[in-house]
Amino acid sequence: MSDTEKTESAPIDPRLLEILICPVSGGPLQYDREAGELISKKAKLAYQIREGVPIMLPDEARELD
Protein backbone atom coordinates (compact mmCIF):
# COMPACT_ATOMS: atom_id res chain seq x y z
CA MET A 1 0.00 0.00 0.00
CA SER A 2 1.42 3.40 -0.96
CA ASP A 3 1.57 6.45 1.31
CA THR A 4 -1.20 8.07 -0.75
CA GLU A 5 -3.50 5.10 -0.18
CA LYS A 6 -2.79 5.14 3.55
CA THR A 7 -3.76 8.78 3.99
CA GLU A 8 -6.93 8.65 1.90
CA SER A 9 -9.95 7.78 3.98
CA ALA A 10 -13.57 6.96 3.37
CA PRO A 11 -16.04 9.66 4.34
CA ILE A 12 -16.85 9.72 8.04
CA ASP A 13 -20.44 9.70 9.27
CA PRO A 14 -21.37 13.23 10.47
CA ARG A 15 -23.39 11.70 13.34
CA LEU A 16 -20.21 10.04 14.60
CA LEU A 17 -18.42 13.39 14.60
CA GLU A 18 -21.12 14.83 16.86
CA ILE A 19 -20.46 12.30 19.63
CA LEU A 20 -16.68 11.78 19.47
CA ILE A 21 -14.44 13.58 21.93
CA CYS A 22 -10.69 13.59 22.42
CA PRO A 23 -9.69 10.70 24.71
CA VAL A 24 -6.86 12.81 26.17
CA SER A 25 -8.52 16.17 26.82
CA GLY A 26 -12.20 15.24 26.72
CA GLY A 27 -12.66 18.20 24.39
CA PRO A 28 -14.28 18.49 20.95
CA LEU A 29 -12.69 17.32 17.72
CA GLN A 30 -12.58 19.07 14.36
CA TYR A 31 -12.65 17.09 11.12
CA ASP A 32 -9.85 17.87 8.65
CA ARG A 33 -11.15 16.27 5.46
CA GLU A 34 -7.99 16.96 3.42
CA ALA A 35 -5.67 15.35 5.97
CA GLY A 36 -8.15 12.60 6.91
CA GLU A 37 -7.77 13.41 10.59
CA LEU A 38 -9.72 14.49 13.64
CA ILE A 39 -8.00 17.40 15.36
CA SER A 40 -7.99 18.10 19.09
CA LYS A 41 -6.83 21.69 19.52
CA LYS A 42 -6.93 21.37 23.30
CA ALA A 43 -4.62 18.30 23.39
CA LYS A 44 -2.70 19.41 20.26
CA LEU A 45 -3.19 15.98 18.69
CA ALA A 46 -4.43 14.69 15.34
CA TYR A 47 -6.15 11.30 15.13
CA GLN A 48 -5.99 9.55 11.76
CA ILE A 49 -9.10 8.19 10.07
CA ARG A 50 -8.57 4.87 8.28
CA GLU A 51 -11.27 3.57 5.92
CA GLY A 52 -13.86 5.73 7.68
CA VAL A 53 -12.83 4.60 11.19
CA PRO A 54 -11.22 7.14 13.54
CA ILE A 55 -8.16 5.71 15.30
CA MET A 56 -8.66 7.26 18.75
CA LEU A 57 -5.55 5.83 20.40
CA PRO A 58 -3.35 8.48 22.01
CA ASP A 59 -0.23 6.43 21.19
CA GLU A 60 -1.07 6.60 17.47
CA ALA A 61 -2.03 10.28 17.41
CA ARG A 62 0.18 12.82 15.67
CA GLU A 63 1.35 15.75 17.78
CA LEU A 64 0.54 19.21 16.43
CA ASP A 65 2.89 22.19 16.65
PDB file of N, CA and C in Angstrom:
ATOM      1  N   MET A   1       0.856  -1.179   0.000  1.00  0.00           N
ATOM      2  CA  MET A   1       0.000   0.000   0.000  1.00  0.00           C
ATOM      3  C   MET A   1       0.900   1.239   0.000  1.00  0.00           C
ATOM      4  N   SER A   2       0.603   2.193  -0.877  1.00  0.00           N
ATOM      5  CA  SER A   2       1.423   3.401  -0.964  1.00  0.00           C
ATOM      6  C   SER A   2       1.020   4.400   0.118  1.00  0.00           C
ATOM      7  N   ASP A   3       1.875   5.416   0.323  1.00  0.00           N
ATOM      8  CA  ASP A   3       1.568   6.452   1.312  1.00  0.00           C
ATOM      9  C   ASP A   3       0.279   7.175   0.966  1.00  0.00           C
ATOM     10  N   THR A   4       0.024   7.382  -0.319  1.00  0.00           N
ATOM     11  CA  THR A   4      -1.200   8.065  -0.746  1.00  0.00           C
ATOM     12  C   THR A   4      -2.421   7.259  -0.338  1.00  0.00           C
ATOM     13  N   GLU A   5      -2.367   5.951  -0.542  1.00  0.00           N
ATOM     14  CA  GLU A   5      -3.499   5.105  -0.178  1.00  0.00           C
ATOM     15  C   GLU A   5      -3.723   5.090   1.328  1.00  0.00           C
ATOM     16  N   LYS A   6      -2.665   5.149   2.099  1.00  0.00           N
ATOM     17  CA  LYS A   6      -2.788   5.135   3.550  1.00  0.00           C
ATOM     18  C   LYS A   6      -3.467   6.388   4.079  1.00  0.00           C
ATOM     19  N   THR A   7      -3.208   7.542   3.459  1.00  0.00           N
ATOM     20  CA  THR A   7      -3.763   8.778   3.990  1.00  0.00           C
ATOM     21  C   THR A   7      -5.177   9.048   3.499  1.00  0.00           C
ATOM     22  N   GLU A   8      -5.576   8.442   2.376  1.00  0.00           N
ATOM     23  CA  GLU A   8      -6.931   8.645   1.898  1.00  0.00           C
ATOM     24  C   GLU A   8      -7.878   7.867   2.800  1.00  0.00           C
ATOM     25  N   SER A   9      -9.007   8.467   3.104  1.00  0.00           N
ATOM     26  CA  SER A   9      -9.955   7.781   3.975  1.00  0.00           C
ATOM     27  C   SER A   9     -11.348   7.891   3.406  1.00  0.00           C
ATOM     28  N   ALA A  10     -12.168   6.921   3.756  1.00  0.00           N
ATOM     29  CA  ALA A  10     -13.566   6.962   3.371  1.00  0.00           C
ATOM     30  C   ALA A  10     -14.240   8.074   4.154  1.00  0.00           C
ATOM     31  N   PRO A  11     -15.332   8.606   3.606  1.00  0.00           N
ATOM     32  CA  PRO A  11     -16.040   9.662   4.341  1.00  0.00           C
ATOM     33  C   PRO A  11     -16.475   9.165   5.716  1.00  0.00           C
ATOM     34  N   ILE A  12     -16.446  10.068   6.668  1.00  0.00           N
ATOM     35  CA  ILE A  12     -16.850   9.715   8.037  1.00  0.00           C
ATOM     36  C   ILE A  12     -18.289  10.188   8.266  1.00  0.00           C
ATOM     37  N   ASP A  13     -19.037   9.398   8.986  1.00  0.00           N
ATOM     38  CA  ASP A  13     -20.441   9.704   9.268  1.00  0.00           C
ATOM     39  C   ASP A  13     -20.528  10.964  10.138  1.00  0.00           C
ATOM     40  N   PRO A  14     -21.245  11.991   9.690  1.00  0.00           N
ATOM     41  CA  PRO A  14     -21.371  13.231  10.475  1.00  0.00           C
ATOM     42  C   PRO A  14     -21.958  13.002  11.867  1.00  0.00           C
ATOM     43  N   ARG A  15     -22.820  12.004  12.013  1.00  0.00           N
ATOM     44  CA  ARG A  15     -23.393  11.702  13.340  1.00  0.00           C
ATOM     45  C   ARG A  15     -22.309  11.221  14.300  1.00  0.00           C
ATOM     46  N   LEU A  16     -21.317  10.508  13.775  1.00  0.00           N
ATOM     47  CA  LEU A  16     -20.213  10.045  14.602  1.00  0.00           C
ATOM     48  C   LEU A  16     -19.391  11.224  15.090  1.00  0.00           C
ATOM     49  N   LEU A  17     -19.187  12.199  14.226  1.00  0.00           N
ATOM     50  CA  LEU A  17     -18.417  13.389  14.600  1.00  0.00           C
ATOM     51  C   LEU A  17     -19.078  14.155  15.739  1.00  0.00           C
ATOM     52  N   GLU A  18     -20.392  14.111  15.804  1.00  0.00           N
ATOM     53  CA  GLU A  18     -21.117  14.830  16.855  1.00  0.00           C
ATOM     54  C   GLU A  18     -20.882  14.244  18.244  1.00  0.00           C
ATOM     55  N   ILE A  19     -20.575  12.944  18.324  1.00  0.00           N
ATOM     56  CA  ILE A  19     -20.461  12.302  19.635  1.00  0.00           C
ATOM     57  C   ILE A  19     -19.019  12.027  20.059  1.00  0.00           C
ATOM     58  N   LEU A  20     -18.075  12.064  19.115  1.00  0.00           N
ATOM     59  CA  LEU A  20     -16.684  11.778  19.467  1.00  0.00           C
ATOM     60  C   LEU A  20     -16.044  12.938  20.225  1.00  0.00           C
ATOM     61  N   ILE A  21     -15.233  12.586  21.208  1.00  0.00           N
ATOM     62  CA  ILE A  21     -14.437  13.577  21.934  1.00  0.00           C
ATOM     63  C   ILE A  21     -13.000  13.072  22.003  1.00  0.00           C
ATOM     64  N   CYS A  22     -12.093  13.955  22.273  1.00  0.00           N
ATOM     65  CA  CYS A  22     -10.685  13.592  22.417  1.00  0.00           C
ATOM     66  C   CYS A  22     -10.514  12.722  23.660  1.00  0.00           C
ATOM     67  N   PRO A  23      -9.886  11.553  23.540  1.00  0.00           N
ATOM     68  CA  PRO A  23      -9.691  10.702  24.707  1.00  0.00           C
ATOM     69  C   PRO A  23      -8.670  11.259  25.701  1.00  0.00           C
ATOM     70  N   VAL A  24      -7.859  12.216  25.282  1.00  0.00           N
ATOM     71  CA  VAL A  24      -6.855  12.806  26.167  1.00  0.00           C
ATOM     72  C   VAL A  24      -7.429  13.995  26.926  1.00  0.00           C
ATOM     73  N   SER A  25      -8.040  14.932  26.195  1.00  0.00           N
ATOM     74  CA  SER A  25      -8.516  16.171  26.822  1.00  0.00           C
ATOM     75  C   SER A  25     -10.003  16.142  27.174  1.00  0.00           C
ATOM     76  N   GLY A  26     -10.753  15.252  26.532  1.00  0.00           N
ATOM     77  CA  GLY A  26     -12.198  15.244  26.721  1.00  0.00           C
ATOM     78  C   GLY A  26     -12.884  16.360  25.959  1.00  0.00           C
ATOM     79  N   GLY A  27     -12.124  17.073  25.151  1.00  0.00           N
ATOM     80  CA  GLY A  27     -12.655  18.200  24.391  1.00  0.00           C
ATOM     81  C   GLY A  27     -13.163  17.798  23.013  1.00  0.00           C
ATOM     82  N   PRO A  28     -13.730  18.751  22.287  1.00  0.00           N
ATOM     83  CA  PRO A  28     -14.285  18.488  20.954  1.00  0.00           C
ATOM     84  C   PRO A  28     -13.182  18.237  19.924  1.00  0.00           C
ATOM     85  N   LEU A  29     -13.596  17.604  18.826  1.00  0.00           N
ATOM     86  CA  LEU A  29     -12.686  17.320  17.718  1.00  0.00           C
ATOM     87  C   LEU A  29     -13.179  18.023  16.467  1.00  0.00           C
ATOM     88  N   GLN A  30     -12.243  18.456  15.643  1.00  0.00           N
ATOM     89  CA  GLN A  30     -12.576  19.066  14.356  1.00  0.00           C
ATOM     90  C   GLN A  30     -12.113  18.130  13.257  1.00  0.00           C
ATOM     91  N   TYR A  31     -12.951  17.978  12.235  1.00  0.00           N
ATOM     92  CA  TYR A  31     -12.653  17.090  11.117  1.00  0.00           C
ATOM     93  C   TYR A  31     -11.862  17.839  10.062  1.00  0.00           C
ATOM     94  N   ASP A  32     -10.666  17.338   9.742  1.00  0.00           N
ATOM     95  CA  ASP A  32      -9.849  17.875   8.651  1.00  0.00           C
ATOM     96  C   ASP A  32      -9.955  16.885   7.500  1.00  0.00           C
ATOM     97  N   ARG A  33     -10.858  17.182   6.568  1.00  0.00           N
ATOM     98  CA  ARG A  33     -11.148  16.269   5.462  1.00  0.00           C
ATOM     99  C   ARG A  33      -9.924  16.029   4.587  1.00  0.00           C
ATOM    100  N   GLU A  34      -9.169  17.089   4.287  1.00  0.00           N
ATOM    101  CA  GLU A  34      -7.994  16.962   3.415  1.00  0.00           C
ATOM    102  C   GLU A  34      -6.939  16.046   4.022  1.00  0.00           C
ATOM    103  N   ALA A  35      -6.690  16.163   5.310  1.00  0.00           N
ATOM    104  CA  ALA A  35      -5.674  15.346   5.975  1.00  0.00           C
ATOM    105  C   ALA A  35      -6.219  13.988   6.412  1.00  0.00           C
ATOM    106  N   GLY A  36      -7.553  13.847   6.438  1.00  0.00           N
ATOM    107  CA  GLY A  36      -8.154  12.601   6.908  1.00  0.00           C
ATOM    108  C   GLY A  36      -7.896  12.383   8.386  1.00  0.00           C
ATOM    109  N   GLU A  37      -8.064  13.464   9.159  1.00  0.00           N
ATOM    110  CA  GLU A  37      -7.772  13.408  10.592  1.00  0.00           C
ATOM    111  C   GLU A  37      -8.835  14.134  11.402  1.00  0.00           C
ATOM    112  N   LEU A  38      -8.924  13.754  12.665  1.00  0.00           N
ATOM    113  CA  LEU A  38      -9.715  14.492  13.643  1.00  0.00           C
ATOM    114  C   LEU A  38      -8.727  15.245  14.514  1.00  0.00           C
ATOM    115  N   ILE A  39      -8.936  16.532  14.661  1.00  0.00           N
ATOM    116  CA  ILE A  39      -8.000  17.405  15.355  1.00  0.00           C
ATOM    117  C   ILE A  39      -8.543  17.789  16.732  1.00  0.00           C
ATOM    118  N   SER A  40      -7.691  17.620  17.737  1.00  0.00           N
ATOM    119  CA  SER A  40      -7.992  18.098  19.086  1.00  0.00           C
ATOM    120  C   SER A  40      -7.072  19.291  19.345  1.00  0.00           C
ATOM    121  N   LYS A  41      -7.643  20.492  19.269  1.00  0.00           N
ATOM    122  CA  LYS A  41      -6.832  21.690  19.515  1.00  0.00           C
ATOM    123  C   LYS A  41      -6.386  21.761  20.970  1.00  0.00           C
ATOM    124  N   LYS A  42      -7.241  21.307  21.876  1.00  0.00           N
ATOM    125  CA  LYS A  42      -6.932  21.368  23.302  1.00  0.00           C
ATOM    126  C   LYS A  42      -5.739  20.468  23.655  1.00  0.00           C
ATOM    127  N   ALA A  43      -5.711  19.242  23.111  1.00  0.00           N
ATOM    128  CA  ALA A  43      -4.619  18.305  23.391  1.00  0.00           C
ATOM    129  C   ALA A  43      -3.469  18.448  22.394  1.00  0.00           C
ATOM    130  N   LYS A  44      -3.690  19.241  21.333  1.00  0.00           N
ATOM    131  CA  LYS A  44      -2.701  19.414  20.256  1.00  0.00           C
ATOM    132  C   LYS A  44      -2.315  18.081  19.635  1.00  0.00           C
ATOM    133  N   LEU A  45      -3.379  17.283  19.300  1.00  0.00           N
ATOM    134  CA  LEU A  45      -3.187  15.981  18.689  1.00  0.00           C
ATOM    135  C   LEU A  45      -4.087  15.840  17.466  1.00  0.00           C
ATOM    136  N   ALA A  46      -3.640  15.014  16.513  1.00  0.00           N
ATOM    137  CA  ALA A  46      -4.433  14.686  15.336  1.00  0.00           C
ATOM    138  C   ALA A  46      -4.594  13.172  15.280  1.00  0.00           C
ATOM    139  N   TYR A  47      -5.836  12.720  15.200  1.00  0.00           N
ATOM    140  CA  TYR A  47      -6.153  11.299  15.135  1.00  0.00           C
ATOM    141  C   TYR A  47      -6.493  10.942  13.693  1.00  0.00           C
ATOM    142  N   GLN A  48      -5.785   9.962  13.134  1.00  0.00           N
ATOM    143  CA  GLN A  48      -5.987   9.554  11.756  1.00  0.00           C
ATOM    144  C   GLN A  48      -7.302   8.812  11.595  1.00  0.00           C
ATOM    145  N   ILE A  49      -7.899   8.935  10.413  1.00  0.00           N
ATOM    146  CA  ILE A  49      -9.102   8.191  10.068  1.00  0.00           C
ATOM    147  C   ILE A  49      -8.707   7.201   8.984  1.00  0.00           C
ATOM    148  N   ARG A  50      -8.925   5.919   9.240  1.00  0.00           N
ATOM    149  CA  ARG A  50      -8.572   4.870   8.277  1.00  0.00           C
ATOM    150  C   ARG A  50      -9.837   4.160   7.822  1.00  0.00           C
ATOM    151  N   GLU A  51     -10.096   4.220   6.519  1.00  0.00           N
ATOM    152  CA  GLU A  51     -11.268   3.570   5.925  1.00  0.00           C
ATOM    153  C   GLU A  51     -12.556   3.947   6.655  1.00  0.00           C
ATOM    154  N   GLY A  52     -12.658   5.226   7.026  1.00  0.00           N
ATOM    155  CA  GLY A  52     -13.856   5.731   7.675  1.00  0.00           C
ATOM    156  C   GLY A  52     -13.915   5.509   9.173  1.00  0.00           C
ATOM    157  N   VAL A  53     -12.858   4.906   9.758  1.00  0.00           N
ATOM    158  CA  VAL A  53     -12.834   4.601  11.188  1.00  0.00           C
ATOM    159  C   VAL A  53     -11.782   5.475  11.878  1.00  0.00           C
ATOM    160  N   PRO A  54     -12.190   6.330  12.811  1.00  0.00           N
ATOM    161  CA  PRO A  54     -11.219   7.140  13.541  1.00  0.00           C
ATOM    162  C   PRO A  54     -10.373   6.262  14.469  1.00  0.00           C
ATOM    163  N   ILE A  55      -9.073   6.453  14.436  1.00  0.00           N
ATOM    164  CA  ILE A  55      -8.160   5.714  15.304  1.00  0.00           C
ATOM    165  C   ILE A  55      -7.897   6.612  16.515  1.00  0.00           C
ATOM    166  N   MET A  56      -8.646   6.369  17.581  1.00  0.00           N
ATOM    167  CA  MET A  56      -8.659   7.256  18.746  1.00  0.00           C
ATOM    168  C   MET A  56      -7.694   6.805  19.839  1.00  0.00           C
ATOM    169  N   LEU A  57      -6.560   6.271  19.448  1.00  0.00           N
ATOM    170  CA  LEU A  57      -5.552   5.825  20.404  1.00  0.00           C
ATOM    171  C   LEU A  57      -4.507   6.919  20.578  1.00  0.00           C
ATOM    172  N   PRO A  58      -4.329   7.417  21.788  1.00  0.00           N
ATOM    173  CA  PRO A  58      -3.345   8.485  22.009  1.00  0.00           C
ATOM    174  C   PRO A  58      -1.939   8.126  21.522  1.00  0.00           C
ATOM    175  N   ASP A  59      -1.561   6.852  21.626  1.00  0.00           N
ATOM    176  CA  ASP A  59      -0.234   6.427  21.188  1.00  0.00           C
ATOM    177  C   ASP A  59      -0.048   6.535  19.675  1.00  0.00           C
ATOM    178  N   GLU A  60      -1.151   6.511  18.923  1.00  0.00           N
ATOM    179  CA  GLU A  60      -1.066   6.595  17.467  1.00  0.00           C
ATOM    180  C   GLU A  60      -1.362   7.996  16.938  1.00  0.00           C
ATOM    181  N   ALA A  61      -1.714   8.910  17.816  1.00  0.00           N
ATOM    182  CA  ALA A  61      -2.027  10.282  17.407  1.00  0.00           C
ATOM    183  C   ALA A  61      -0.756  11.038  17.029  1.00  0.00           C
ATOM    184  N   ARG A  62      -0.927  11.969  16.113  1.00  0.00           N
ATOM    185  CA  ARG A  62       0.179  12.817  15.674  1.00  0.00           C
ATOM    186  C   ARG A  62       0.133  14.106  16.484  1.00  0.00           C
ATOM    187  N   GLU A  63       1.291  14.502  17.010  1.00  0.00           N
ATOM    188  CA  GLU A  63       1.350  15.755  17.777  1.00  0.00           C
ATOM    189  C   GLU A  63       1.349  16.944  16.828  1.00  0.00           C
ATOM    190  N   LEU A  64       0.603  17.974  17.220  1.00  0.00           N
ATOM    191  CA  LEU A  64       0.541  19.213  16.435  1.00  0.00           C
ATOM    192  C   LEU A  64       1.492  20.231  17.021  1.00  0.00           C
ATOM    193  N   ASP A  65       1.980  21.116  16.179  1.00  0.00           N
ATOM    194  CA  ASP A  65       2.888  22.187  16.647  1.00  0.00           C
ATOM    195  C   ASP A  65       2.131  23.266  17.354  1.00  0.00           C
TER     196      ASP A  65
END
